[in-house]
PDB file of N, CA and C in Angstrom:
ATOM      1  N   MET A   1      85.522 -87.043 100.472  1.00  0.00           N
ATOM      2  CA  MET A   1      84.802 -86.982 101.724  1.00  0.00           C
ATOM      3  C   MET A   1      84.806 -85.557 102.299  1.00  0.00           C
ATOM      4  N   LEU A   2      85.931 -84.873 102.173  1.00  0.00           N
ATOM      5  CA  LEU A   2      86.033 -83.509 102.689  1.00  0.00           C
ATOM      6  C   LEU A   2      85.012 -82.593 102.011  1.00  0.00           C
ATOM      7  N   ALA A   3      84.811 -82.781 100.708  1.00  0.00           N
ATOM      8  CA  ALA A   3      83.850 -81.950  99.982  1.00  0.00           C
ATOM      9  C   ALA A   3      82.437 -82.175 100.492  1.00  0.00           C
ATOM     10  N   VAL A   4      82.083 -83.408 100.784  1.00  0.00           N
ATOM     11  CA  VAL A   4      80.748 -83.705 101.309  1.00  0.00           C
ATOM     12  C   VAL A   4      80.550 -83.012 102.646  1.00  0.00           C
ATOM     13  N   VAL A   5      81.532 -83.103 103.507  1.00  0.00           N
ATOM     14  CA  VAL A   5      81.454 -82.463 104.825  1.00  0.00           C
ATOM     15  C   VAL A   5      81.399 -80.944 104.656  1.00  0.00           C
ATOM     16  N   GLY A   6      82.194 -80.408 103.744  1.00  0.00           N
ATOM     17  CA  GLY A   6      82.213 -78.961 103.521  1.00  0.00           C
ATOM     18  C   GLY A   6      80.886 -78.415 103.055  1.00  0.00           C
ATOM     19  N   PHE A   7      80.263 -79.091 102.102  1.00  0.00           N
ATOM     20  CA  PHE A   7      78.970 -78.621 101.604  1.00  0.00           C
ATOM     21  C   PHE A   7      77.843 -78.891 102.596  1.00  0.00           C
ATOM     22  N   ALA A   8      77.880 -80.019 103.263  1.00  0.00           N
ATOM     23  CA  ALA A   8      76.802 -80.394 104.176  1.00  0.00           C
ATOM     24  C   ALA A   8      76.846 -79.594 105.473  1.00  0.00           C
ATOM     25  N   TRP A   9      78.023 -79.466 106.063  1.00  0.00           N
ATOM     26  CA  TRP A   9      78.094 -78.831 107.380  1.00  0.00           C
ATOM     27  C   TRP A   9      78.975 -77.587 107.421  1.00  0.00           C
ATOM     28  N   GLY A  10      79.812 -77.419 106.424  1.00  0.00           N
ATOM     29  CA  GLY A  10      80.767 -76.314 106.452  1.00  0.00           C
ATOM     30  C   GLY A  10      80.243 -75.008 105.901  1.00  0.00           C
ATOM     31  N   GLY A  11      79.052 -75.027 105.324  1.00  0.00           N
ATOM     32  CA  GLY A  11      78.474 -73.802 104.789  1.00  0.00           C
ATOM     33  C   GLY A  11      78.960 -73.451 103.401  1.00  0.00           C
ATOM     34  N   TRP A  12      79.645 -74.375 102.736  1.00  0.00           N
ATOM     35  CA  TRP A  12      80.100 -74.107 101.377  1.00  0.00           C
ATOM     36  C   TRP A  12      78.899 -74.030 100.447  1.00  0.00           C
ATOM     37  N   VAL A  13      78.994 -73.195  99.439  1.00  0.00           N
ATOM     38  CA  VAL A  13      77.928 -73.091  98.444  1.00  0.00           C
ATOM     39  C   VAL A  13      78.549 -73.029  97.053  1.00  0.00           C
ATOM     40  N   THR A  14      77.756 -73.332  96.049  1.00  0.00           N
ATOM     41  CA  THR A  14      78.220 -73.228  94.670  1.00  0.00           C
ATOM     42  C   THR A  14      78.149 -71.765  94.235  1.00  0.00           C
ATOM     43  N   GLY A  15      78.782 -71.473  93.124  1.00  0.00           N
ATOM     44  CA  GLY A  15      78.746 -70.114  92.590  1.00  0.00           C
ATOM     45  C   GLY A  15      77.338 -69.656  92.278  1.00  0.00           C
ATOM     46  N   ALA A  16      76.524 -70.553  91.731  1.00  0.00           N
ATOM     47  CA  ALA A  16      75.134 -70.205  91.400  1.00  0.00           C
ATOM     48  C   ALA A  16      74.330 -69.887  92.652  1.00  0.00           C
ATOM     49  N   THR A  17      74.544 -70.663  93.702  1.00  0.00           N
ATOM     50  CA  THR A  17      73.836 -70.417  94.961  1.00  0.00           C
ATOM     51  C   THR A  17      74.266 -69.089  95.568  1.00  0.00           C
ATOM     52  N   ALA A  18      75.549 -68.802  95.510  1.00  0.00           N
ATOM     53  CA  ALA A  18      76.062 -67.533  96.038  1.00  0.00           C
ATOM     54  C   ALA A  18      75.496 -66.353  95.252  1.00  0.00           C
ATOM     55  N   LEU A  19      75.429 -66.484  93.925  1.00  0.00           N
ATOM     56  CA  LEU A  19      74.869 -65.426  93.089  1.00  0.00           C
ATOM     57  C   LEU A  19      73.402 -65.199  93.411  1.00  0.00           C
ATOM     58  N   GLU A  20      72.654 -66.265  93.545  1.00  0.00           N
ATOM     59  CA  GLU A  20      71.233 -66.159  93.877  1.00  0.00           C
ATOM     60  C   GLU A  20      71.043 -65.473  95.227  1.00  0.00           C
ATOM     61  N   ALA A  21      71.843 -65.843  96.200  1.00  0.00           N
ATOM     62  CA  ALA A  21      71.744 -65.239  97.529  1.00  0.00           C
ATOM     63  C   ALA A  21      72.088 -63.755  97.477  1.00  0.00           C
ATOM     64  N   SER A  22      73.108 -63.387  96.716  1.00  0.00           N
ATOM     65  CA  SER A  22      73.495 -61.976  96.634  1.00  0.00           C
ATOM     66  C   SER A  22      72.420 -61.152  95.928  1.00  0.00           C
ATOM     67  N   GLU A  23      71.774 -61.718  94.905  1.00  0.00           N
ATOM     68  CA  GLU A  23      70.693 -61.015  94.222  1.00  0.00           C
ATOM     69  C   GLU A  23      69.496 -60.819  95.145  1.00  0.00           C
ATOM     70  N   THR A  24      69.187 -61.832  95.945  1.00  0.00           N
ATOM     71  CA  THR A  24      68.087 -61.718  96.903  1.00  0.00           C
ATOM     72  C   THR A  24      68.378 -60.632  97.930  1.00  0.00           C
ATOM     73  N   HIS A  25      69.605 -60.601  98.433  1.00  0.00           N
ATOM     74  CA  HIS A  25      69.978 -59.576  99.411  1.00  0.00           C
ATOM     75  C   HIS A  25      69.932 -58.182  98.793  1.00  0.00           C
ATOM     76  N   ALA A  26      70.360 -58.054  97.548  1.00  0.00           N
ATOM     77  CA  ALA A  26      70.328 -56.760  96.868  1.00  0.00           C
ATOM     78  C   ALA A  26      68.892 -56.294  96.663  1.00  0.00           C
ATOM     79  N   ASP A  27      68.013 -57.193  96.231  1.00  0.00           N
ATOM     80  CA  ASP A  27      66.603 -56.840  96.041  1.00  0.00           C
ATOM     81  C   ASP A  27      65.981 -56.394  97.358  1.00  0.00           C
ATOM     82  N   THR A  28      66.278 -57.109  98.424  1.00  0.00           N
ATOM     83  CA  THR A  28      65.755 -56.764  99.747  1.00  0.00           C
ATOM     84  C   THR A  28      66.257 -55.396 100.184  1.00  0.00           C
ATOM     85  N   ALA A  29      67.528 -55.119  99.941  1.00  0.00           N
ATOM     86  CA  ALA A  29      68.107 -53.827 100.318  1.00  0.00           C
ATOM     87  C   ALA A  29      67.431 -52.683  99.561  1.00  0.00           C
ATOM     88  N   VAL A  30      67.182 -52.877  98.280  1.00  0.00           N
ATOM     89  CA  VAL A  30      66.527 -51.839  97.476  1.00  0.00           C
ATOM     90  C   VAL A  30      65.120 -51.570  98.009  1.00  0.00           C
ATOM     91  N   VAL A  31      64.369 -52.614  98.277  1.00  0.00           N
ATOM     92  CA  VAL A  31      63.011 -52.451  98.812  1.00  0.00           C
ATOM     93  C   VAL A  31      63.057 -51.758 100.173  1.00  0.00           C
ATOM     94  N   ASN A  32      64.031 -52.122 101.009  1.00  0.00           N
ATOM     95  CA  ASN A  32      64.142 -51.504 102.337  1.00  0.00           C
ATOM     96  C   ASN A  32      64.457 -50.015 102.261  1.00  0.00           C
ATOM     97  N   VAL A  33      65.096 -49.578 101.193  1.00  0.00           N
ATOM     98  CA  VAL A  33      65.392 -48.158 101.006  1.00  0.00           C
ATOM     99  C   VAL A  33      64.205 -47.427 100.385  1.00  0.00           C
ATOM    100  N   LEU A  34      63.538 -48.049  99.424  1.00  0.00           N
ATOM    101  CA  LEU A  34      62.475 -47.365  98.684  1.00  0.00           C
ATOM    102  C   LEU A  34      61.109 -47.384  99.375  1.00  0.00           C
ATOM    103  N   ALA A  35      60.819 -48.408 100.146  1.00  0.00           N
ATOM    104  CA  ALA A  35      59.500 -48.500 100.792  1.00  0.00           C
ATOM    105  C   ALA A  35      59.220 -47.308 101.716  1.00  0.00           C
ATOM    106  N   PRO A  36      60.185 -46.842 102.527  1.00  0.00           N
ATOM    107  CA  PRO A  36      59.901 -45.658 103.348  1.00  0.00           C
ATOM    108  C   PRO A  36      59.639 -44.398 102.512  1.00  0.00           C
ATOM    109  N   ILE A  37      60.277 -44.282 101.346  1.00  0.00           N
ATOM    110  CA  ILE A  37      60.014 -43.144 100.463  1.00  0.00           C
ATOM    111  C   ILE A  37      58.584 -43.219  99.949  1.00  0.00           C
ATOM    112  N   CYS A  38      58.154 -44.421  99.608  1.00  0.00           N
ATOM    113  CA  CYS A  38      56.771 -44.643  99.188  1.00  0.00           C
ATOM    114  C   CYS A  38      55.804 -44.197 100.284  1.00  0.00           C
ATOM    115  N   ALA A  39      56.110 -44.567 101.519  1.00  0.00           N
ATOM    116  CA  ALA A  39      55.237 -44.200 102.636  1.00  0.00           C
ATOM    117  C   ALA A  39      55.157 -42.684 102.797  1.00  0.00           C
ATOM    118  N   VAL A  40      56.276 -42.003 102.613  1.00  0.00           N
ATOM    119  CA  VAL A  40      56.275 -40.532 102.687  1.00  0.00           C
ATOM    120  C   VAL A  40      55.414 -39.958 101.573  1.00  0.00           C
ATOM    121  N   GLN A  41      55.551 -40.495 100.360  1.00  0.00           N
ATOM    122  CA  GLN A  41      54.738 -40.014  99.231  1.00  0.00           C
ATOM    123  C   GLN A  41      53.253 -40.235  99.512  1.00  0.00           C
ATOM    124  N   PHE A  42      52.922 -41.362 100.115  1.00  0.00           N
ATOM    125  CA  PHE A  42      51.533 -41.650 100.464  1.00  0.00           C
ATOM    126  C   PHE A  42      51.011 -40.610 101.465  1.00  0.00           C
ATOM    127  N   ARG A  43      51.807 -40.340 102.510  1.00  0.00           N
ATOM    128  CA  ARG A  43      51.384 -39.422 103.573  1.00  0.00           C
ATOM    129  C   ARG A  43      51.297 -37.975 103.114  1.00  0.00           C
ATOM    130  N   GLN A  44      51.970 -37.615 102.018  1.00  0.00           N
ATOM    131  CA  GLN A  44      51.967 -36.237 101.537  1.00  0.00           C
ATOM    132  C   GLN A  44      50.706 -35.860 100.779  1.00  0.00           C
ATOM    133  N   GLN A  45      49.874 -36.812 100.431  1.00  0.00           N
ATOM    134  CA  GLN A  45      48.646 -36.475  99.722  1.00  0.00           C
ATOM    135  C   GLN A  45      47.675 -35.801 100.694  1.00  0.00           C
ATOM    136  N   THR A  46      46.826 -34.956 100.176  1.00  0.00           N
ATOM    137  CA  THR A  46      45.937 -34.175 101.040  1.00  0.00           C
ATOM    138  C   THR A  46      44.918 -35.031 101.783  1.00  0.00           C
ATOM    139  N   ASP A  47      44.513 -36.141 101.204  1.00  0.00           N
ATOM    140  CA  ASP A  47      43.518 -37.004 101.848  1.00  0.00           C
ATOM    141  C   ASP A  47      44.147 -38.278 102.422  1.00  0.00           C
ATOM    142  N   SER A  48      45.368 -38.160 102.916  1.00  0.00           N
ATOM    143  CA  SER A  48      46.104 -39.342 103.374  1.00  0.00           C
ATOM    144  C   SER A  48      45.421 -40.042 104.555  1.00  0.00           C
ATOM    145  N   THR A  49      44.761 -39.303 105.427  1.00  0.00           N
ATOM    146  CA  THR A  49      44.088 -39.928 106.565  1.00  0.00           C
ATOM    147  C   THR A  49      42.963 -40.837 106.088  1.00  0.00           C
ATOM    148  N   ALA A  50      42.178 -40.362 105.147  1.00  0.00           N
ATOM    149  CA  ALA A  50      41.083 -41.171 104.604  1.00  0.00           C
ATOM    150  C   ALA A  50      41.627 -42.354 103.805  1.00  0.00           C
ATOM    151  N   LYS A  51      42.684 -42.126 103.029  1.00  0.00           N
ATOM    152  CA  LYS A  51      43.282 -43.210 102.239  1.00  0.00           C
ATOM    153  C   LYS A  51      43.897 -44.268 103.150  1.00  0.00           C
ATOM    154  N   LEU A  52      44.497 -43.847 104.265  1.00  0.00           N
ATOM    155  CA  LEU A  52      45.074 -44.797 105.200  1.00  0.00           C
ATOM    156  C   LEU A  52      43.990 -45.652 105.840  1.00  0.00           C
ATOM    157  N   ALA A  53      42.881 -45.053 106.195  1.00  0.00           N
ATOM    158  CA  ALA A  53      41.763 -45.818 106.749  1.00  0.00           C
ATOM    159  C   ALA A  53      41.261 -46.835 105.724  1.00  0.00           C
ATOM    160  N   GLU A  54      41.182 -46.409 104.473  1.00  0.00           N
ATOM    161  CA  GLU A  54      40.755 -47.300 103.389  1.00  0.00           C
ATOM    162  C   GLU A  54      41.756 -48.443 103.213  1.00  0.00           C
ATOM    163  N   LEU A  55      43.030 -48.121 103.258  1.00  0.00           N
ATOM    164  CA  LEU A  55      44.088 -49.117 103.114  1.00  0.00           C
ATOM    165  C   LEU A  55      44.014 -50.177 104.206  1.00  0.00           C
ATOM    166  N   LYS A  56      43.784 -49.744 105.425  1.00  0.00           N
ATOM    167  CA  LYS A  56      43.775 -50.671 106.567  1.00  0.00           C
ATOM    168  C   LYS A  56      42.591 -51.625 106.533  1.00  0.00           C
ATOM    169  N   GLU A  57      41.561 -51.295 105.769  1.00  0.00           N
ATOM    170  CA  GLU A  57      40.387 -52.161 105.645  1.00  0.00           C
ATOM    171  C   GLU A  57      40.608 -53.320 104.678  1.00  0.00           C
ATOM    172  N   LEU A  58      41.666 -53.243 103.889  1.00  0.00           N
ATOM    173  CA  LEU A  58      41.910 -54.229 102.836  1.00  0.00           C
ATOM    174  C   LEU A  58      42.761 -55.395 103.332  1.00  0.00           C
ATOM    175  N   SER A  59      42.696 -56.515 102.612  1.00  0.00           N
ATOM    176  CA  SER A  59      43.593 -57.645 102.886  1.00  0.00           C
ATOM    177  C   SER A  59      45.004 -57.246 102.457  1.00  0.00           C
ATOM    178  N   SER A  60      46.009 -57.989 102.893  1.00  0.00           N
ATOM    179  CA  SER A  60      47.386 -57.620 102.560  1.00  0.00           C
ATOM    180  C   SER A  60      47.615 -57.609 101.046  1.00  0.00           C
ATOM    181  N   PHE A  61      47.040 -58.570 100.331  1.00  0.00           N
ATOM    182  CA  PHE A  61      47.171 -58.584  98.869  1.00  0.00           C
ATOM    183  C   PHE A  61      46.533 -57.337  98.269  1.00  0.00           C
ATOM    184  N   GLN A  62      45.351 -56.991  98.750  1.00  0.00           N
ATOM    185  CA  GLN A  62      44.656 -55.818  98.230  1.00  0.00           C
ATOM    186  C   GLN A  62      45.391 -54.524  98.605  1.00  0.00           C
ATOM    187  N   GLN A  63      46.038 -54.518  99.782  1.00  0.00           N
ATOM    188  CA  GLN A  63      46.810 -53.346 100.191  1.00  0.00           C
ATOM    189  C   GLN A  63      47.952 -53.082  99.220  1.00  0.00           C
ATOM    190  N   THR A  64      48.657 -54.146  98.842  1.00  0.00           N
ATOM    191  CA  THR A  64      49.760 -54.004  97.895  1.00  0.00           C
ATOM    192  C   THR A  64      49.246 -53.450  96.575  1.00  0.00           C
ATOM    193  N   LYS A  65      48.148 -53.975  96.100  1.00  0.00           N
ATOM    194  CA  LYS A  65      47.553 -53.520  94.837  1.00  0.00           C
ATOM    195  C   LYS A  65      47.093 -52.059  94.953  1.00  0.00           C
ATOM    196  N   PHE A  66      46.516 -51.683  96.085  1.00  0.00           N
ATOM    197  CA  PHE A  66      46.041 -50.323  96.340  1.00  0.00           C
ATOM    198  C   PHE A  66      47.206 -49.329  96.261  1.00  0.00           C
ATOM    199  N   VAL A  67      48.305 -49.659  96.917  1.00  0.00           N
ATOM    200  CA  VAL A  67      49.482 -48.779  96.908  1.00  0.00           C
ATOM    201  C   VAL A  67      50.079 -48.719  95.508  1.00  0.00           C
ATOM    202  N   ASP A  68      50.168 -49.846  94.863  1.00  0.00           N
ATOM    203  CA  ASP A  68      50.723 -49.900  93.505  1.00  0.00           C
ATOM    204  C   ASP A  68      49.880 -49.070  92.545  1.00  0.00           C
ATOM    205  N   GLU A  69      48.576 -49.261  92.585  1.00  0.00           N
ATOM    206  CA  GLU A  69      47.680 -48.534  91.677  1.00  0.00           C
ATOM    207  C   GLU A  69      47.608 -47.045  92.007  1.00  0.00           C
ATOM    208  N   GLY A  70      47.851 -46.692  93.278  1.00  0.00           N
ATOM    209  CA  GLY A  70      47.860 -45.281  93.663  1.00  0.00           C
ATOM    210  C   GLY A  70      49.080 -44.535  93.154  1.00  0.00           C
ATOM    211  N   GLY A  71      50.102 -45.286  92.745  1.00  0.00           N
ATOM    212  CA  GLY A  71      51.293 -44.663  92.199  1.00  0.00           C
ATOM    213  C   GLY A  71      52.332 -44.244  93.222  1.00  0.00           C
ATOM    214  N   TRP A  72      52.073 -44.492  94.498  1.00  0.00           N
ATOM    215  CA  TRP A  72      52.992 -44.048  95.552  1.00  0.00           C
ATOM    216  C   TRP A  72      54.291 -44.847  95.563  1.00  0.00           C
ATOM    217  N   ALA A  73      54.284 -46.051  95.019  1.00  0.00           N
ATOM    218  CA  ALA A  73      55.487 -46.888  94.990  1.00  0.00           C
ATOM    219  C   ALA A  73      56.415 -46.528  93.836  1.00  0.00           C
ATOM    220  N   ILE A  74      55.978 -45.658  92.959  1.00  0.00           N
ATOM    221  CA  ILE A  74      56.822 -45.205  91.847  1.00  0.00           C
ATOM    222  C   ILE A  74      57.690 -44.060  92.364  1.00  0.00           C
ATOM    223  N   MET A  75      58.983 -44.225  92.231  1.00  0.00           N
ATOM    224  CA  MET A  75      59.914 -43.223  92.722  1.00  0.00           C
ATOM    225  C   MET A  75      60.027 -42.066  91.737  1.00  0.00           C
ATOM    226  N   PRO A  76      60.301 -40.866  92.267  1.00  0.00           N
ATOM    227  CA  PRO A  76      60.480 -39.710  91.384  1.00  0.00           C
ATOM    228  C   PRO A  76      61.532 -40.006  90.310  1.00  0.00           C
ATOM    229  N   GLY A  77      61.209 -39.698  89.092  1.00  0.00           N
ATOM    230  CA  GLY A  77      62.109 -39.944  87.979  1.00  0.00           C
ATOM    231  C   GLY A  77      61.966 -41.317  87.349  1.00  0.00           C
ATOM    232  N   SER A  78      61.135 -42.173  87.937  1.00  0.00           N
ATOM    233  CA  SER A  78      60.920 -43.520  87.407  1.00  0.00           C
ATOM    234  C   SER A  78      59.559 -43.595  86.736  1.00  0.00           C
ATOM    235  N   GLU A  79      59.413 -44.580  85.879  1.00  0.00           N
ATOM    236  CA  GLU A  79      58.139 -44.774  85.204  1.00  0.00           C
ATOM    237  C   GLU A  79      57.330 -45.905  85.810  1.00  0.00           C
ATOM    238  N   GLU A  80      58.000 -46.785  86.557  1.00  0.00           N
ATOM    239  CA  GLU A  80      57.289 -47.893  87.187  1.00  0.00           C
ATOM    240  C   GLU A  80      57.935 -48.215  88.529  1.00  0.00           C
ATOM    241  N   ALA A  81      57.181 -48.913  89.356  1.00  0.00           N
ATOM    242  CA  ALA A  81      57.658 -49.262  90.691  1.00  0.00           C
ATOM    243  C   ALA A  81      58.583 -50.469  90.634  1.00  0.00           C
ATOM    244  N   VAL A  82      59.502 -50.520  91.554  1.00  0.00           N
ATOM    245  CA  VAL A  82      60.371 -51.676  91.731  1.00  0.00           C
ATOM    246  C   VAL A  82      59.552 -52.757  92.436  1.00  0.00           C
ATOM    247  N   ASP A  83      59.702 -54.009  91.985  1.00  0.00           N
ATOM    248  CA  ASP A  83      58.977 -55.119  92.610  1.00  0.00           C
ATOM    249  C   ASP A  83      59.222 -55.144  94.118  1.00  0.00           C
ATOM    250  N   GLY A  84      58.153 -55.284  94.863  1.00  0.00           N
ATOM    251  CA  GLY A  84      58.249 -55.417  96.306  1.00  0.00           C
ATOM    252  C   GLY A  84      58.077 -54.125  97.075  1.00  0.00           C
ATOM    253  N   VAL A  85      58.217 -52.985  96.414  1.00  0.00           N
ATOM    254  CA  VAL A  85      58.129 -51.701  97.117  1.00  0.00           C
ATOM    255  C   VAL A  85      56.713 -51.448  97.619  1.00  0.00           C
ATOM    256  N   ALA A  86      55.712 -51.718  96.805  1.00  0.00           N
ATOM    257  CA  ALA A  86      54.329 -51.482  97.230  1.00  0.00           C
ATOM    258  C   ALA A  86      53.974 -52.331  98.449  1.00  0.00           C
ATOM    259  N   LYS A  87      54.425 -53.574  98.463  1.00  0.00           N
ATOM    260  CA  LYS A  87      54.153 -54.449  99.605  1.00  0.00           C
ATOM    261  C   LYS A  87      54.853 -53.932 100.852  1.00  0.00           C
ATOM    262  N   GLY A  88      56.107 -53.541 100.720  1.00  0.00           N
ATOM    263  CA  GLY A  88      56.846 -52.994 101.858  1.00  0.00           C
ATOM    264  C   GLY A  88      56.237 -51.697 102.356  1.00  0.00           C
ATOM    265  N   CYS A  89      55.807 -50.876 101.423  1.00  0.00           N
ATOM    266  CA  CYS A  89      55.178 -49.595 101.761  1.00  0.00           C
ATOM    267  C   CYS A  89      53.870 -49.813 102.522  1.00  0.00           C
ATOM    268  N   ALA A  90      53.048 -50.728 102.022  1.00  0.00           N
ATOM    269  CA  ALA A  90      51.784 -51.042 102.710  1.00  0.00           C
ATOM    270  C   ALA A  90      52.063 -51.552 104.107  1.00  0.00           C
ATOM    271  N   GLY A  91      53.100 -52.351 104.258  1.00  0.00           N
ATOM    272  CA  GLY A  91      53.468 -52.846 105.581  1.00  0.00           C
ATOM    273  C   GLY A  91      53.850 -51.725 106.537  1.00  0.00           C
ATOM    274  N   ILE A  92      54.620 -50.773 106.035  1.00  0.00           N
ATOM    275  CA  ILE A  92      55.008 -49.624 106.863  1.00  0.00           C
ATOM    276  C   ILE A  92      53.778 -48.828 107.267  1.00  0.00           C
ATOM    277  N   LEU A  93      52.932 -48.522 106.308  1.00  0.00           N
ATOM    278  CA  LEU A  93      51.762 -47.681 106.567  1.00  0.00           C
ATOM    279  C   LEU A  93      50.772 -48.319 107.528  1.00  0.00           C
ATOM    280  N   THR A  94      50.574 -49.617 107.400  1.00  0.00           N
ATOM    281  CA  THR A  94      49.576 -50.276 108.252  1.00  0.00           C
ATOM    282  C   THR A  94      50.125 -50.644 109.620  1.00  0.00           C
ATOM    283  N   SER A  95      51.438 -50.587 109.788  1.00  0.00           N
ATOM    284  CA  SER A  95      51.997 -50.918 111.098  1.00  0.00           C
ATOM    285  C   SER A  95      52.260 -49.680 111.937  1.00  0.00           C
ATOM    286  N   ASP A  96      52.156 -48.497 111.350  1.00  0.00           N
ATOM    287  CA  ASP A  96      52.370 -47.262 112.106  1.00  0.00           C
ATOM    288  C   ASP A  96      51.306 -47.112 113.180  1.00  0.00           C
ATOM    289  N   ALA A  97      51.738 -46.577 114.279  1.00  0.00           N
ATOM    290  CA  ALA A  97      50.805 -46.356 115.393  1.00  0.00           C
ATOM    291  C   ALA A  97      50.002 -45.108 115.199  1.00  0.00           C
TER     292      ALA A  97
END
């Protein structure tokens, strides 16, 4: 009975659930660090004002694809972008005042 109460109301989790949660938190942390770098790379291009206007005209799905295809989500020294960075970057860029 104690185990049922512990899992149901006590916040206990299995090892697999804990591992999954820690991986999700780690992925989120990586995206939160890399997305602002992506935004800086986007803003450093010479035509960033025009590209930003173009980006803001797109749907959120298209914005992620636009940033990904533009290469701004790829970090220096890397060959490909980390999953989620382009979406986070587009969010930063389109929410700026």
